[in-house]
Amino acid sequence: MESWLLENGYPALFLLSFLAATLVPLGSEWLMAVLLVNNFDPSIVVPVATVGNTLGALTTYAIGLWGGPYLVRRVLRISHDSHLKGERYFNRYGSWALLFSWVPILGDPLCLAGGVLKTGFWRFVLLVALGKLLRYMVVAKLVMQGVNYGLS
């Protein structure tokens, strides 16, 4: 398995990062660390993981956007007035929480809420991508520091 991951490093990282940002309970940081320890280029690893993870979050956003009416009315049973009030509040203040869409357990519901509450597409992409990019940059820096200090 490890040799397959190393042979298909960037595509495997993209796929795992994508799946990790959907409702599938996976993480992608471990593979990113494995690739970095095996001398994959950090300037490629970080963007690949960020793009994959952002596109996965967009999938969850789309589920909320197009499945939102069903979720709101049938599953959650939220009144139309409450839904509109929540949408206005989230778009004014809560959309900034999308910067934390990378946080385990919290991130997927945030992306789903972004779709259900109709956060603007470009606002969603910018906030989510920025949060994910910063997270992957920090992880890469920590891994590379560990490699440089001989911790690998």
Foldseek 3Di string as FASTA:
>chain_A
DLVVCQVCVLVVLLQQLLCVLAPRPGDRLVSLLSNVLVPDDLVRSLVSSLVSNLNSLVVLLVCLQVVLVCCCCPVVNPDPVRLQVVLVVCQVPVLLCLLVLVDPPPNSVSSSVCNNSVHDPVSNSVSNSNSSSVVSVVSSVVSVVCVVVVVD
